[in-house]
Amino acid sequence: MTISIIICTYNRAESLRRTLATLIPANVRDVLEVIVIDNNSSDHTQDVLREYEGLCPDIFRSAVE
């Protein structure tokens, strides 16, 4: 079974970073998928997304609307 968590965000980079940090514990990586939809943020949200794509490529996905 896979658990999918879908997050929509807009200009909340630091809040997104804190949220992702709490959602991605090492012991659930085999059952978790995190998808973040960025609604064309103008802050550093894309930097946060790239960071987590690098840290957790097996469970992390992102898209820009």
C-alpha atoms as a PDB file:
ATOM      1  CA  MET A   1       0.000   0.000   0.000  1.00  0.00           C
ATOM      2  CA  THR A   2       1.222   3.500  -0.828  1.00  0.00           C
ATOM      3  CA  ILE A   3       0.095   6.631   0.975  1.00  0.00           C
ATOM      4  CA  SER A   4      -0.042   9.712  -1.262  1.00  0.00           C
ATOM      5  CA  ILE A   5       0.162  13.146   0.314  1.00  0.00           C
ATOM      6  CA  ILE A   6      -0.608  16.009  -2.061  1.00  0.00           C
ATOM      7  CA  ILE A   7       0.271  19.582  -1.064  1.00  0.00           C
ATOM      8  CA  CYS A   8      -0.657  22.728  -2.976  1.00  0.00           C
ATOM      9  CA  THR A   9       1.447  25.756  -2.143  1.00  0.00           C
ATOM     10  CA  TYR A  10       1.875  29.408  -3.076  1.00  0.00           C
ATOM     11  CA  ASN A  11       4.639  31.614  -1.641  1.00  0.00           C
ATOM     12  CA  ARG A  12       5.017  29.574   1.561  1.00  0.00           C
ATOM     13  CA  ALA A  13       8.566  28.273   1.114  1.00  0.00           C
ATOM     14  CA  GLU A  14       9.570  28.081   4.781  1.00  0.00           C
ATOM     15  CA  SER A  15       6.230  26.640   5.850  1.00  0.00           C
ATOM     16  CA  LEU A  16       6.568  24.074   3.060  1.00  0.00           C
ATOM     17  CA  ARG A  17      10.101  23.201   4.214  1.00  0.00           C
ATOM     18  CA  ARG A  18       8.872  22.582   7.784  1.00  0.00           C
ATOM     19  CA  THR A  19       5.934  20.529   6.531  1.00  0.00           C
ATOM     20  CA  LEU A  20       8.104  18.343   4.303  1.00  0.00           C
ATOM     21  CA  ALA A  21      10.608  17.790   7.101  1.00  0.00           C
ATOM     22  CA  THR A  22       7.878  16.357   9.321  1.00  0.00           C
ATOM     23  CA  LEU A  23       6.295  14.249   6.569  1.00  0.00           C
ATOM     24  CA  ILE A  24       9.395  12.384   5.500  1.00  0.00           C
ATOM     25  CA  PRO A  25      10.671  10.208   8.334  1.00  0.00           C
ATOM     26  CA  ALA A  26      13.036   7.450   7.218  1.00  0.00           C
ATOM     27  CA  ASN A  27      10.843   4.618   8.478  1.00  0.00           C
ATOM     28  CA  VAL A  28       7.930   5.221   6.050  1.00  0.00           C
ATOM     29  CA  ARG A  29       9.761   5.758   2.773  1.00  0.00           C
ATOM     30  CA  ASP A  30       8.616   2.410   1.402  1.00  0.00           C
ATOM     31  CA  VAL A  31       4.911   3.365   1.701  1.00  0.00           C
ATOM     32  CA  LEU A  32       4.900   7.143   1.209  1.00  0.00           C
ATOM     33  CA  GLU A  33       4.650   9.397  -1.827  1.00  0.00           C
ATOM     34  CA  VAL A  34       4.703  13.195  -1.448  1.00  0.00           C
ATOM     35  CA  ILE A  35       3.481  15.360  -4.334  1.00  0.00           C
ATOM     36  CA  VAL A  36       3.782  19.144  -4.152  1.00  0.00           C
ATOM     37  CA  ILE A  37       1.977  21.443  -6.591  1.00  0.00           C
ATOM     38  CA  ASP A  38       3.527  24.908  -6.724  1.00  0.00           C
ATOM     39  CA  ASN A  39       0.996  27.498  -7.897  1.00  0.00           C
ATOM     40  CA  ASN A  40       3.671  29.667  -9.571  1.00  0.00           C
ATOM     41  CA  SER A  41       5.227  31.013  -6.365  1.00  0.00           C
ATOM     42  CA  SER A  42       7.500  34.045  -6.591  1.00  0.00           C
ATOM     43  CA  ASP A  43       9.488  33.273  -3.414  1.00  0.00           C
ATOM     44  CA  HIS A  44      12.108  30.518  -3.025  1.00  0.00           C
ATOM     45  CA  THR A  45       9.588  27.653  -3.086  1.00  0.00           C
ATOM     46  CA  GLN A  46      11.315  26.149  -6.139  1.00  0.00           C
ATOM     47  CA  ASP A  47      14.593  25.988  -4.190  1.00  0.00           C
ATOM     48  CA  VAL A  48      12.849  24.037  -1.420  1.00  0.00           C
ATOM     49  CA  LEU A  49      11.335  21.671  -3.979  1.00  0.00           C
ATOM     50  CA  ARG A  50      14.718  21.045  -5.631  1.00  0.00           C
ATOM     51  CA  GLU A  51      16.236  20.405  -2.202  1.00  0.00           C
ATOM     52  CA  TYR A  52      13.690  17.706  -1.393  1.00  0.00           C
ATOM     53  CA  GLU A  53      13.863  16.208  -4.883  1.00  0.00           C
ATOM     54  CA  GLY A  54      17.582  15.719  -4.188  1.00  0.00           C
ATOM     55  CA  LEU A  55      17.132  14.438  -0.620  1.00  0.00           C
ATOM     56  CA  CYS A  56      14.245  12.068  -1.290  1.00  0.00           C
ATOM     57  CA  PRO A  57      14.015  11.251  -5.009  1.00  0.00           C
ATOM     58  CA  ASP A  58      12.354   7.912  -4.265  1.00  0.00           C
ATOM     59  CA  ILE A  59       9.241   9.484  -2.709  1.00  0.00           C
ATOM     60  CA  PHE A  60       9.161  13.143  -3.699  1.00  0.00           C
ATOM     61  CA  ARG A  61       7.487  14.660  -6.767  1.00  0.00           C
ATOM     62  CA  SER A  62       6.724  18.265  -7.651  1.00  0.00           C
ATOM     63  CA  ALA A  63       4.956  20.207 -10.365  1.00  0.00           C
ATOM     64  CA  VAL A  64       4.492  23.873 -11.217  1.00  0.00           C
ATOM     65  CA  GLU A  65       1.054  25.100 -12.162  1.00  0.00           C
END
